[in-house]
C-alpha atoms as a PDB file:
ATOM      1  CA  MET A   1     101.095-106.794 -96.372  1.00  0.00           C
ATOM      2  CA  PRO A   2      99.396-103.226 -95.659  1.00  0.00           C
ATOM      3  CA  CYS A   3      96.418-105.278 -94.906  1.00  0.00           C
ATOM      4  CA  CYS A   4      98.357-106.640 -91.134  1.00  0.00           C
ATOM      5  CA  ALA A   5     100.072-103.950 -90.611  1.00  0.00           C
ATOM      6  CA  VAL A   6      96.321-101.675 -90.527  1.00  0.00           C
ATOM      7  CA  LEU A   7      95.282-104.677 -88.435  1.00  0.00           C
ATOM      8  CA  VAL A   8      98.431-104.271 -85.619  1.00  0.00           C
ATOM      9  CA  ALA A   9      97.588-100.514 -85.895  1.00  0.00           C
ATOM     10  CA  LEU A  10      94.090-100.829 -85.488  1.00  0.00           C
ATOM     11  CA  LEU A  11      94.589-102.996 -82.073  1.00  0.00           C
ATOM     12  CA  GLY A  12      96.938-100.242 -80.489  1.00  0.00           C
ATOM     13  CA  PHE A  13      99.980-100.804 -82.350  1.00  0.00           C
ATOM     14  CA  PRO A  14     100.708 -97.675 -84.766  1.00  0.00           C
ATOM     15  CA  ARG A  15     104.566 -97.593 -84.477  1.00  0.00           C
ATOM     16  CA  LEU A  16     104.478-100.797 -84.614  1.00  0.00           C
ATOM     17  CA  ALA A  17     102.159-101.434 -87.709  1.00  0.00           C
ATOM     18  CA  LEU A  18     104.643 -98.117 -89.346  1.00  0.00           C
ATOM     19  CA  LEU A  19     107.814-100.438 -88.695  1.00  0.00           C
ATOM     20  CA  LEU A  20     106.129-103.450 -90.810  1.00  0.00           C
ATOM     21  CA  LEU A  21     105.212-101.112 -93.012  1.00  0.00           C
ATOM     22  CA  TRP A  22     108.410 -99.501 -93.796  1.00  0.00           C
ATOM     23  CA  SER A  23     110.802-103.113 -93.696  1.00  0.00           C
ATOM     24  CA  SER A  24     107.935-105.311 -95.547  1.00  0.00           C
ATOM     25  CA  THR A  25     106.783-102.802 -98.410  1.00  0.00           C
ATOM     26  CA  ASP A  26     106.928 -99.986-100.265  1.00  0.00           C
ATOM     27  CA  TYR A  27     103.794 -98.488 -98.858  1.00  0.00           C
ATOM     28  CA  LEU A  28     105.225 -95.623 -97.302  1.00  0.00           C
ATOM     29  CA  ALA A  29     107.748 -94.458 -99.569  1.00  0.00           C
ATOM     30  CA  ARG A  30     104.808 -94.566-102.617  1.00  0.00           C
ATOM     31  CA  ALA A  31     103.293 -92.087-100.728  1.00  0.00           C
ATOM     32  CA  GLY A  32     106.535 -90.045-100.994  1.00  0.00           C
ATOM     33  CA  LEU A  33     107.788 -90.501 -97.049  1.00  0.00           C
ATOM     34  CA  GLY A  34     111.031 -90.688 -97.416  1.00  0.00           C
ATOM     35  CA  ALA A  35     113.292 -92.875 -94.856  1.00  0.00           C
ATOM     36  CA  GLY A  36     113.683 -88.938 -92.319  1.00  0.00           C
ATOM     37  CA  TRP A  37     109.671 -88.888 -92.614  1.00  0.00           C
ATOM     38  CA  THR A  38     108.751 -91.510 -90.726  1.00  0.00           C
ATOM     39  CA  LEU A  39     111.198 -91.942 -88.594  1.00  0.00           C
ATOM     40  CA  LEU A  40     109.427 -88.336 -87.295  1.00  0.00           C
ATOM     41  CA  GLY A  41     106.166 -90.180 -87.741  1.00  0.00           C
ATOM     42  CA  LEU A  42     107.296 -93.335 -86.205  1.00  0.00           C
ATOM     43  CA  VAL A  43     108.370 -91.323 -82.500  1.00  0.00           C
ATOM     44  CA  PHE A  44     106.015 -87.993 -82.273  1.00  0.00           C
ATOM     45  CA  LEU A  45     102.959 -89.205 -84.461  1.00  0.00           C
ATOM     46  CA  PRO A  46     102.557 -92.256 -86.251  1.00  0.00           C
ATOM     47  CA  TRP A  47      98.203 -92.237 -86.191  1.00  0.00           C
ATOM     48  CA  THR A  48      99.345 -89.060 -88.793  1.00  0.00           C
ATOM     49  CA  THR A  49     101.818 -91.512 -90.620  1.00  0.00           C
ATOM     50  CA  ILE A  50      99.242 -93.726 -91.252  1.00  0.00           C
ATOM     51  CA  ALA A  51      96.736 -91.732 -92.188  1.00  0.00           C
ATOM     52  CA  TYR A  52      98.943 -89.338 -94.426  1.00  0.00           C
ATOM     53  CA  ALA A  53     100.075 -92.744 -96.251  1.00  0.00           C
ATOM     54  CA  VAL A  54      96.328 -94.310 -96.941  1.00  0.00           C
ATOM     55  CA  ALA A  55      95.707 -90.952 -98.255  1.00  0.00           C
ATOM     56  CA  GLN A  56      97.969 -90.696-100.669  1.00  0.00           C
ATOM     57  CA  ASN A  57      98.088 -94.689-101.865  1.00  0.00           C
ATOM     58  CA  GLU A  58      94.720 -94.932-101.269  1.00  0.00           C
ATOM     59  CA  LEU A  59      92.179 -92.035-101.223  1.00  0.00           C
ATOM     60  CA  GLY A  60      93.414 -90.568-103.989  1.00  0.00           C
ATOM     61  CA  GLY A  61      95.195 -87.471-102.108  1.00  0.00           C
ATOM     62  CA  LEU A  62      94.751 -84.913 -99.492  1.00  0.00           C
ATOM     63  CA  HIS A  63      90.933 -83.868-101.041  1.00  0.00           C
ATOM     64  CA  GLY A  64      87.867 -85.581 -99.926  1.00  0.00           C
ATOM     65  CA  TRP A  65      87.689 -88.367 -97.818  1.00  0.00           C
ATOM     66  CA  GLY A  66      92.096 -88.120 -97.681  1.00  0.00           C
ATOM     67  CA  VAL A  67      91.564 -84.775 -95.687  1.00  0.00           C
ATOM     68  CA  ALA A  68      89.328 -86.870 -93.401  1.00  0.00           C
ATOM     69  CA  ALA A  69      91.250 -89.282 -92.954  1.00  0.00           C
ATOM     70  CA  LEU A  70      93.867 -87.298 -91.973  1.00  0.00           C
ATOM     71  CA  ALA A  71      92.084 -85.638 -89.697  1.00  0.00           C
ATOM     72  CA  VAL A  72      90.962 -88.629 -87.644  1.00  0.00           C
ATOM     73  CA  GLY A  73      94.735 -89.959 -88.008  1.00  0.00           C
ATOM     74  CA  LEU A  74      95.640 -85.996 -86.110  1.00  0.00           C
ATOM     75  CA  LEU A  75      92.831 -86.822 -83.470  1.00  0.00           C
ATOM     76  CA  LEU A  76      93.484 -90.600 -82.572  1.00  0.00           C
ATOM     77  CA  ASP A  77      97.166 -88.860 -82.340  1.00  0.00           C
ATOM     78  CA  PHE A  78      96.694 -86.028 -80.020  1.00  0.00           C
ATOM     79  CA  GLY A  79      93.348 -87.205 -78.473  1.00  0.00           C
ATOM     80  CA  GLY A  80      93.136 -90.423 -78.777  1.00  0.00           C
ATOM     81  CA  PRO A  81      91.279 -92.955 -76.045  1.00  0.00           C
ATOM     82  CA  LEU A  82      94.497 -93.762 -74.156  1.00  0.00           C
ATOM     83  CA  GLY A  83      96.027 -90.627 -74.456  1.00  0.00           C
ATOM     84  CA  GLY A  84      95.575 -86.690 -73.409  1.00  0.00           C
ATOM     85  CA  ARG A  85      95.572 -85.560 -69.729  1.00  0.00           C
ATOM     86  CA  GLY A  86      91.788 -86.760 -69.708  1.00  0.00           C
ATOM     87  CA  SER A  87      92.260 -90.252 -69.610  1.00  0.00           C
ATOM     88  CA  ARG A  88      94.557 -89.296 -66.642  1.00  0.00           C
ATOM     89  CA  ARG A  89      92.779 -87.437 -64.581  1.00  0.00           C
ATOM     90  CA  GLU A  90      92.027 -88.761 -61.108  1.00  0.00           C
END
């Protein structure tokens, strides 16, 4: 199921992917994200929340590739291809 949720996220729906992960698996709980942090991630930083869960569950924590995954999540949240001030310029 986490693979399907990541596919949904890559298609451009990270909030839907987080809802799928939260409602049908324990993937976010294994990463140490409780309900409060998951809700905050769902509202404010969905890509970063997914990247953190992947770093904790698949990459062995926040060192090495885990930090790189978290940085990519932050970049997608704050400067993704559909977000940011630059894409709305006329």
